[in-house]
Protein backbone atom coordinates (compact mmCIF):
# COMPACT_ATOMS: atom_id res chain seq x y z
CA MET A 1 96.59 184.29 155.36
CA GLU A 2 94.42 183.21 152.48
CA ASN A 3 94.48 179.54 151.43
CA THR A 4 95.54 179.39 147.81
CA LEU A 5 96.30 176.39 145.65
CA SER A 6 99.23 176.25 143.30
CA ILE A 7 98.65 175.29 139.69
CA THR A 8 100.28 171.92 140.42
CA GLU A 9 97.89 171.24 143.28
CA MET A 10 94.92 172.11 141.08
CA TYR A 11 96.13 169.73 138.36
CA MET A 12 96.66 166.98 140.93
CA MET A 13 93.07 167.35 142.15
CA VAL A 14 91.84 166.82 138.59
CA LEU A 15 94.32 164.02 137.86
CA ALA A 16 93.27 162.12 140.99
CA THR A 17 89.96 161.37 139.30
CA LEU A 18 91.59 159.62 136.32
CA SER A 19 92.00 155.88 136.02
CA ASN A 20 95.49 154.37 136.26
CA SER A 21 95.58 153.64 132.52
CA ASP A 22 94.66 157.26 131.74
CA LYS A 23 97.39 158.46 134.10
CA LEU A 24 99.96 156.21 132.41
CA ASP A 25 98.86 157.48 129.00
CA LEU A 26 99.24 161.05 130.21
CA ILE A 27 102.71 160.30 131.62
CA SER A 28 103.72 158.82 128.27
CA ARG A 29 102.46 161.82 126.34
CA LEU A 30 104.11 164.34 128.67
CA SER A 31 107.41 162.46 128.53
CA SER A 32 107.24 162.31 124.75
CA SER A 33 106.57 166.03 124.47
CA MET A 34 109.55 166.79 126.70
CA ARG A 35 111.84 164.53 124.62
CA ASP A 36 110.62 166.15 121.39
CA GLU A 37 111.35 169.61 122.74
CA ALA A 38 114.81 168.61 123.99
CA SER A 39 115.73 166.98 120.70
CA MET A 40 114.72 169.91 118.52
CA LYS A 41 117.76 171.36 116.84
CA ARG A 42 118.38 174.75 118.27
CA GLU A 43 119.64 177.39 115.91
CA ARG A 44 123.06 178.67 116.82
CA PRO A 45 123.48 182.44 116.78
CA ASP A 46 125.59 184.00 114.05
CA LEU A 47 128.71 185.13 115.91
CA ARG A 48 129.45 187.76 113.28
CA THR A 49 126.40 189.71 114.44
CA CYS A 50 128.04 190.08 117.87
CA PHE A 51 130.75 192.26 116.38
CA LYS A 52 128.63 194.93 114.76
CA GLY A 53 129.88 198.46 114.96
CA ASP A 54 132.49 200.78 113.53
CA TRP A 55 135.65 198.86 112.75
CA SER A 56 136.92 201.41 110.23
CA GLY A 57 140.66 201.86 110.28
CA ILE A 58 141.24 198.49 111.92
CA ASP A 59 142.58 195.71 109.78
CA ALA A 60 144.01 192.26 110.41
CA ASP A 61 147.62 193.48 110.26
CA SER A 62 147.11 196.11 112.96
CA LEU A 63 145.43 193.54 115.19
CA ARG A 64 148.11 190.96 114.46
CA ASN A 65 150.98 193.35 115.17
CA HIS A 66 149.56 194.74 118.41
CA ASN A 67 151.46 193.71 121.51
CA TYR A 68 148.97 191.91 123.75
CA HIS A 69 150.72 191.77 127.14
CA GLY A 70 154.05 190.80 125.62
CA ARG A 71 152.61 188.35 123.10
CA THR A 72 152.20 188.85 119.40
CA VAL A 73 149.88 186.96 117.12
CA GLU A 74 151.61 185.26 114.24
CA SER A 75 150.30 185.38 110.69
CA TRP A 76 148.07 182.58 109.59
């Protein structure tokens, strides 16, 4: 079997040559970039786009008056 290094092992070989202060600076920058990415506001999908299609002939009253397993939906 061929000896191969993972990307993490390759980075660690390079990082081993850095001074402790450079390593701490790198840790700080990596942590900051992860926090920035996690705190970015993610756009919520528009739920109305989930219901695309042909809804012709279906209106709120027909949905409201349909008997769903013995339950009816009251008007709002």
